[in-house]
């Protein structure tokens, strides 16, 4: 394999990616054989970290209601929301304002 072969392992939006740059097509098998075990270990570490974050969010215990923060826009006590994102499939847990805006949209106070 050429000394000029280059490997790039990336992590974008919790998705590992691998790019192999080679000079000649005949080097492809050799390059893949060399880097694949490293990439698999990287991917396993990413998956384990993601599973741990999901577990932490899923096991999040709601704070006591008497400690609910007030909405900076409406002045009402926020409510504890939990669930799973329809977009990403990730669990969520956060304080949200239960009061809708005058136009009917949800309050986005943080």
N, C-alpha and C. Protein backbone atom coordinates (compact mmCIF):
# COMPACT_ATOMS: atom_id res chain seq x y z
N UNK A 1 0.85 -1.18 0.00
CA UNK A 1 0.00 0.00 0.00
C UNK A 1 0.88 1.23 0.00
N UNK A 2 0.48 2.25 -0.69
CA UNK A 2 1.24 3.48 -0.82
C UNK A 2 1.30 4.22 0.51
N UNK A 3 2.42 4.87 0.76
CA UNK A 3 2.56 5.69 1.96
C UNK A 3 1.67 6.91 1.88
N UNK A 4 1.16 7.23 0.69
CA UNK A 4 0.31 8.40 0.50
C UNK A 4 -1.16 8.12 0.77
N UNK A 5 -1.50 6.88 1.09
CA UNK A 5 -2.90 6.57 1.39
C UNK A 5 -3.33 7.39 2.61
N UNK A 6 -4.54 7.89 2.58
CA UNK A 6 -5.04 8.72 3.66
C UNK A 6 -6.40 8.19 4.10
N UNK A 7 -6.63 8.29 5.42
CA UNK A 7 -7.89 7.85 5.99
C UNK A 7 -8.52 9.02 6.73
N UNK A 8 -9.80 9.15 6.61
CA UNK A 8 -10.53 10.17 7.35
C UNK A 8 -11.73 9.50 7.99
N UNK A 9 -11.78 9.58 9.31
CA UNK A 9 -12.95 9.08 10.03
C UNK A 9 -13.66 10.32 10.55
N UNK A 10 -14.94 10.46 10.22
CA UNK A 10 -15.69 11.64 10.63
C UNK A 10 -16.86 11.27 11.52
N UNK A 11 -17.39 12.27 12.15
CA UNK A 11 -18.53 12.11 13.05
C UNK A 11 -19.43 13.32 12.84
N UNK A 12 -20.48 13.14 12.06
CA UNK A 12 -21.38 14.23 11.73
C UNK A 12 -22.80 13.82 12.09
N UNK A 13 -23.46 14.63 12.91
CA UNK A 13 -24.83 14.34 13.35
C UNK A 13 -24.95 12.93 13.92
N UNK A 14 -24.00 12.57 14.77
CA UNK A 14 -23.97 11.28 15.45
C UNK A 14 -23.87 10.10 14.48
N UNK A 15 -23.34 10.35 13.27
CA UNK A 15 -23.18 9.30 12.28
C UNK A 15 -21.71 9.20 11.88
N UNK A 16 -21.06 8.07 12.20
CA UNK A 16 -19.67 7.90 11.79
C UNK A 16 -19.56 7.72 10.28
N UNK A 17 -18.51 8.25 9.70
CA UNK A 17 -18.27 8.08 8.28
C UNK A 17 -16.80 7.78 8.03
N UNK A 18 -16.49 7.15 6.93
CA UNK A 18 -15.12 6.77 6.60
C UNK A 18 -14.82 7.13 5.16
N UNK A 19 -13.70 7.80 4.94
CA UNK A 19 -13.22 8.14 3.59
C UNK A 19 -11.82 7.58 3.46
N UNK A 20 -11.56 6.84 2.39
CA UNK A 20 -10.22 6.31 2.12
C UNK A 20 -9.77 6.90 0.79
N UNK A 21 -8.61 7.54 0.82
CA UNK A 21 -8.03 8.11 -0.41
C UNK A 21 -6.82 7.27 -0.78
N UNK A 22 -6.85 6.77 -1.99
CA UNK A 22 -5.74 5.92 -2.46
C UNK A 22 -5.30 6.41 -3.84
N UNK A 23 -4.11 6.01 -4.22
CA UNK A 23 -3.57 6.41 -5.52
C UNK A 23 -3.98 5.45 -6.63
N UNK A 24 -4.12 4.18 -6.31
CA UNK A 24 -4.42 3.17 -7.32
C UNK A 24 -5.52 2.24 -6.82
N UNK A 25 -6.39 1.84 -7.72
CA UNK A 25 -7.52 0.97 -7.36
C UNK A 25 -7.05 -0.34 -6.73
N UNK A 26 -5.91 -0.84 -7.15
CA UNK A 26 -5.43 -2.12 -6.61
C UNK A 26 -5.11 -2.03 -5.12
N UNK A 27 -4.95 -0.81 -4.59
CA UNK A 27 -4.66 -0.63 -3.17
C UNK A 27 -5.93 -0.65 -2.31
N UNK A 28 -7.09 -0.65 -2.93
CA UNK A 28 -8.35 -0.53 -2.18
C UNK A 28 -8.53 -1.63 -1.15
N UNK A 29 -8.38 -2.88 -1.56
CA UNK A 29 -8.57 -3.99 -0.61
C UNK A 29 -7.62 -3.89 0.57
N UNK A 30 -6.38 -3.56 0.29
CA UNK A 30 -5.38 -3.45 1.34
C UNK A 30 -5.72 -2.30 2.30
N UNK A 31 -6.14 -1.18 1.74
CA UNK A 31 -6.48 -0.02 2.56
C UNK A 31 -7.71 -0.31 3.43
N UNK A 32 -8.72 -0.93 2.84
CA UNK A 32 -9.93 -1.26 3.60
C UNK A 32 -9.61 -2.25 4.71
N UNK A 33 -8.82 -3.26 4.40
CA UNK A 33 -8.43 -4.25 5.41
C UNK A 33 -7.68 -3.60 6.56
N UNK A 34 -6.86 -2.60 6.26
CA UNK A 34 -6.05 -1.94 7.28
C UNK A 34 -6.89 -1.04 8.20
N UNK A 35 -7.84 -0.32 7.64
CA UNK A 35 -8.57 0.69 8.43
C UNK A 35 -9.90 0.18 8.99
N UNK A 36 -10.50 -0.84 8.41
CA UNK A 36 -11.83 -1.28 8.83
C UNK A 36 -11.91 -1.65 10.32
N UNK A 37 -10.96 -2.38 10.90
CA UNK A 37 -11.05 -2.68 12.34
C UNK A 37 -11.05 -1.41 13.21
N UNK A 38 -10.27 -0.42 12.81
CA UNK A 38 -10.22 0.84 13.55
C UNK A 38 -11.57 1.55 13.45
N UNK A 39 -12.12 1.59 12.25
CA UNK A 39 -13.42 2.25 12.03
C UNK A 39 -14.52 1.55 12.81
N UNK A 40 -14.51 0.23 12.84
CA UNK A 40 -15.54 -0.51 13.58
C UNK A 40 -15.48 -0.19 15.07
N UNK A 41 -14.26 -0.09 15.63
CA UNK A 41 -14.12 0.27 17.04
C UNK A 41 -14.65 1.69 17.30
N UNK A 42 -14.36 2.59 16.37
CA UNK A 42 -14.86 3.96 16.46
C UNK A 42 -16.39 3.97 16.44
N UNK A 43 -16.97 3.21 15.52
CA UNK A 43 -18.42 3.15 15.38
C UNK A 43 -19.06 2.57 16.64
N UNK A 44 -18.45 1.54 17.22
CA UNK A 44 -18.98 0.94 18.45
C UNK A 44 -18.93 1.94 19.60
N UNK A 45 -17.87 2.72 19.68
CA UNK A 45 -17.76 3.74 20.73
C UNK A 45 -18.83 4.81 20.57
N UNK A 46 -19.09 5.22 19.33
CA UNK A 46 -20.14 6.21 19.06
C UNK A 46 -21.49 5.64 19.46
N UNK A 47 -21.78 4.40 19.07
CA UNK A 47 -23.06 3.78 19.41
C UNK A 47 -23.24 3.65 20.92
N UNK A 48 -22.17 3.28 21.61
CA UNK A 48 -22.25 3.13 23.07
C UNK A 48 -22.53 4.48 23.72
N UNK A 49 -21.86 5.52 23.25
CA UNK A 49 -22.09 6.86 23.79
C UNK A 49 -23.52 7.33 23.54
N UNK A 50 -24.03 7.05 22.34
CA UNK A 50 -25.40 7.44 22.00
C UNK A 50 -26.40 6.70 22.88
N UNK A 51 -26.18 5.41 23.09
CA UNK A 51 -27.07 4.62 23.94
C UNK A 51 -27.05 5.14 25.37
N UNK A 52 -25.88 5.55 25.87
CA UNK A 52 -25.78 6.09 27.22
C UNK A 52 -26.54 7.41 27.35
N UNK A 53 -26.44 8.27 26.32
CA UNK A 53 -27.17 9.55 26.35
C UNK A 53 -28.67 9.30 26.32
N UNK A 54 -29.12 8.34 25.51
CA UNK A 54 -30.55 8.02 25.45
C UNK A 54 -31.02 7.49 26.79
N UNK A 55 -30.21 6.61 27.40
CA UNK A 55 -30.57 6.04 28.70
C UNK A 55 -30.69 7.14 29.76
N UNK A 56 -29.76 8.09 29.74
CA UNK A 56 -29.79 9.18 30.71
C UNK A 56 -31.04 10.03 30.53
N UNK A 57 -31.39 10.34 29.29
CA UNK A 57 -32.57 11.16 29.03
C UNK A 57 -33.85 10.40 29.40
N UNK A 58 -33.88 9.11 29.09
CA UNK A 58 -35.06 8.29 29.37
C UNK A 58 -35.28 8.17 30.87
N UNK A 59 -34.19 8.07 31.64
CA UNK A 59 -34.29 7.91 33.08
C UNK A 59 -34.35 9.24 33.82
N UNK A 60 -34.47 10.33 33.08
CA UNK A 60 -34.52 11.64 33.72
C UNK A 60 -35.74 11.75 34.62
N UNK A 61 -35.51 12.05 35.87
CA UNK A 61 -36.63 12.21 36.80
C UNK A 61 -37.06 13.66 36.80
N UNK A 62 -38.35 13.89 36.76
CA UNK A 62 -38.82 15.27 36.71
C UNK A 62 -38.54 15.98 38.03
N UNK A 63 -38.12 17.22 37.94
CA UNK A 63 -37.93 17.99 39.15
C UNK A 63 -39.28 18.20 39.86
N UNK A 64 -39.26 18.50 41.15
CA UNK A 64 -40.52 18.73 41.86
C UNK A 64 -41.31 19.88 41.22
N UNK A 65 -42.62 19.75 41.16
CA UNK A 65 -43.47 20.74 40.50
C UNK A 65 -43.35 22.11 41.17
N UNK A 66 -43.16 22.11 42.51
CA UNK A 66 -43.05 23.40 43.19
C UNK A 66 -41.76 24.14 42.81
N UNK A 67 -40.86 23.49 42.10
CA UNK A 67 -39.63 24.13 41.62
C UNK A 67 -39.72 24.49 40.14
N UNK A 68 -40.90 24.42 39.57
CA UNK A 68 -41.07 24.72 38.15
C UNK A 68 -40.69 26.17 37.88
N UNK A 69 -39.88 26.42 36.85
CA UNK A 69 -39.53 27.80 36.51
C UNK A 69 -40.72 28.52 35.89
N UNK A 70 -40.66 29.84 35.94
CA UNK A 70 -41.72 30.64 35.33
C UNK A 70 -41.34 30.99 33.90
N UNK A 71 -42.33 31.04 33.03
CA UNK A 71 -42.11 31.45 31.64
C UNK A 71 -41.78 32.94 31.63
N UNK A 72 -40.71 33.32 30.96
CA UNK A 72 -40.30 34.72 30.91
C UNK A 72 -41.24 35.56 30.04
N UNK A 73 -42.04 34.90 29.20
CA UNK A 73 -42.97 35.62 28.32
C UNK A 73 -44.35 35.75 28.96
N UNK A 74 -44.89 34.64 29.48
CA UNK A 74 -46.26 34.62 30.00
C UNK A 74 -46.36 34.70 31.52
N UNK A 75 -45.27 34.42 32.21
CA UNK A 75 -45.28 34.47 33.67
C UNK A 75 -45.94 33.27 34.33
N UNK A 76 -46.27 32.25 33.55
CA UNK A 76 -46.91 31.05 34.10
C UNK A 76 -45.85 30.01 34.44
N UNK A 77 -46.21 29.08 35.35
CA UNK A 77 -45.28 28.00 35.68
C UNK A 77 -45.16 27.06 34.49
N UNK A 78 -43.93 26.65 34.21
CA UNK A 78 -43.71 25.70 33.12
C UNK A 78 -44.07 24.29 33.59
N UNK A 79 -44.30 23.40 32.62
CA UNK A 79 -44.62 22.00 32.92
C UNK A 79 -43.50 21.12 32.36
N UNK A 80 -43.29 19.97 32.99
CA UNK A 80 -42.23 19.04 32.60
C UNK A 80 -42.74 18.18 31.46
N UNK A 81 -42.07 18.21 30.32
CA UNK A 81 -42.46 17.42 29.14
C UNK A 81 -41.42 16.33 28.89
N UNK A 82 -41.89 15.13 28.59
CA UNK A 82 -41.01 14.03 28.21
C UNK A 82 -41.63 13.33 27.01
N UNK A 83 -40.83 12.65 26.25
CA UNK A 83 -41.34 11.91 25.10
C UNK A 83 -40.21 11.52 24.17
N UNK A 84 -40.58 11.21 22.94
CA UNK A 84 -39.61 10.84 21.92
C UNK A 84 -39.84 11.72 20.70
N UNK A 85 -38.77 12.29 20.18
CA UNK A 85 -38.85 13.16 19.02
C UNK A 85 -39.32 12.38 17.79
N UNK A 86 -40.31 12.92 17.10
CA UNK A 86 -40.78 12.29 15.86
C UNK A 86 -39.74 12.42 14.75
N UNK A 87 -38.93 13.50 14.81
CA UNK A 87 -37.91 13.74 13.79
C UNK A 87 -36.71 12.82 13.94
N UNK A 88 -36.15 12.78 15.17
CA UNK A 88 -34.88 12.09 15.38
C UNK A 88 -35.01 10.74 16.07
N UNK A 89 -36.17 10.51 16.73
CA UNK A 89 -36.34 9.27 17.49
C UNK A 89 -35.65 9.32 18.85
N UNK A 90 -35.06 10.47 19.18
CA UNK A 90 -34.36 10.63 20.46
C UNK A 90 -35.36 11.01 21.55
N UNK A 91 -35.14 10.51 22.76
CA UNK A 91 -36.01 10.92 23.86
C UNK A 91 -35.69 12.36 24.28
N UNK A 92 -36.68 13.04 24.87
CA UNK A 92 -36.44 14.38 25.37
C UNK A 92 -37.10 14.54 26.73
N UNK A 93 -36.61 15.50 27.49
CA UNK A 93 -37.17 15.86 28.79
C UNK A 93 -36.79 17.31 29.04
N UNK A 94 -37.81 18.20 29.20
CA UNK A 94 -37.52 19.61 29.40
C UNK A 94 -38.73 20.33 29.99
N UNK A 95 -38.49 21.53 30.51
CA UNK A 95 -39.56 22.39 30.99
C UNK A 95 -40.13 23.15 29.81
N UNK A 96 -41.46 23.22 29.70
CA UNK A 96 -42.10 23.94 28.60
C UNK A 96 -43.23 24.80 29.13
N UNK A 97 -43.43 25.93 28.50
CA UNK A 97 -44.55 26.81 28.87
C UNK A 97 -45.83 26.21 28.31
N UNK A 98 -46.88 26.05 29.15
CA UNK A 98 -48.13 25.48 28.65
C UNK A 98 -49.03 26.49 27.95
N UNK A 99 -48.66 27.78 28.00
CA UNK A 99 -49.49 28.84 27.42
C UNK A 99 -49.11 29.05 25.96
N UNK A 100 -50.13 29.09 25.10
CA UNK A 100 -49.87 29.35 23.69
C UNK A 100 -49.83 30.85 23.44
N UNK A 101 -49.14 31.23 22.38
CA UNK A 101 -49.06 32.63 21.98
C UNK A 101 -50.40 33.07 21.39
N UNK A 102 -50.56 34.38 21.20
CA UNK A 102 -51.81 34.94 20.66
C UNK A 102 -52.15 34.37 19.29
N UNK A 103 -51.15 34.01 18.50
CA UNK A 103 -51.39 33.47 17.16
C UNK A 103 -51.66 31.97 17.16
N UNK A 104 -51.69 31.35 18.35
CA UNK A 104 -51.97 29.92 18.47
C UNK A 104 -50.74 29.03 18.45
N UNK A 105 -49.55 29.62 18.23
CA UNK A 105 -48.32 28.83 18.23
C UNK A 105 -47.88 28.56 19.66
N UNK A 106 -47.05 27.54 19.83
CA UNK A 106 -46.55 27.20 21.15
C UNK A 106 -45.50 28.21 21.58
N UNK A 107 -45.48 28.52 22.86
CA UNK A 107 -44.48 29.42 23.42
C UNK A 107 -43.12 28.72 23.33
N UNK A 108 -42.10 29.46 22.90
CA UNK A 108 -40.77 28.88 22.73
C UNK A 108 -39.80 29.39 23.78
N UNK A 109 -40.34 29.91 24.87
CA UNK A 109 -39.50 30.41 25.95
C UNK A 109 -38.62 29.30 26.49
N UNK A 110 -37.37 29.63 26.73
CA UNK A 110 -36.42 28.65 27.24
C UNK A 110 -35.89 29.08 28.57
